[in-house]
Amino acid sequence: MTIEVRPATVFDDVAAVIGPKNPQSSVCFCLSYRIPSKEANALRGPDRADRVRRLMDEEGPIGVLAYDGDEPVGWAAVAPRSRTHFATFRKIPHVDDQEVWSLWCFRVRPGHRKKGVMHALIDGAVEFARAQGAPVIEGYPVDNDGAPVNQTMAYVGTRRLFEQAGFAKAVDTTSMLAGFTRVLMRRDL
């Protein structure tokens, strides 16, 4: 399998990877850290998809997609921290005043897991942020020390994944996910 990572510019490809199986669902589409909680919780079904389309129209690519040929097989959410909830999220501290980009959500479609897609996604997200002029990128993975992470909650990545991509732990956070502490990992660009 040859994986190519590109900016997420095609809505149908974004929907194929992060859209919910049930079109009437009130979850996913990677909106929880992108828009106000009240709005995210109120959106149901097609309104969630429409909100993602609007975000893409307003901002351009709102992440990166991994492709195996023409098939979208993975997603990583990456954007300036100032455009996310991480801008004001008290449990994940700010390290300095740089115009940081955040990398916070991964999804790999069933049938494509354990084939290096996550590694390609993190590398592609770094390159995308760099191409947009980001001076630094950070992620907020779980520090699971090799322990199994529930697949549903593994969307933030693991400390090891980020370390393998050249990130270093910057600070601890008070954020928890699936019983694990999240750490702030950072990479200068």
Foldseek 3Di string as FASTA:
>chain_A
DDKDKDFPQDLVLLCVWFNDPDQFALDTPPCCFQDDNVVSNPDTGVSSSVVNVVCCVVPNGQWMFMDDVPHTFKTKGKDFCVRTNNVPPQQADDPDDFREMEIFFMTGHPPCPPPCPLLNRVLSNVVVCVVVPGFKYKAWAFAPVPDDADPVQCGRPYPVSLVVNPWDFDAWGNDDTRRTGITITMDGD
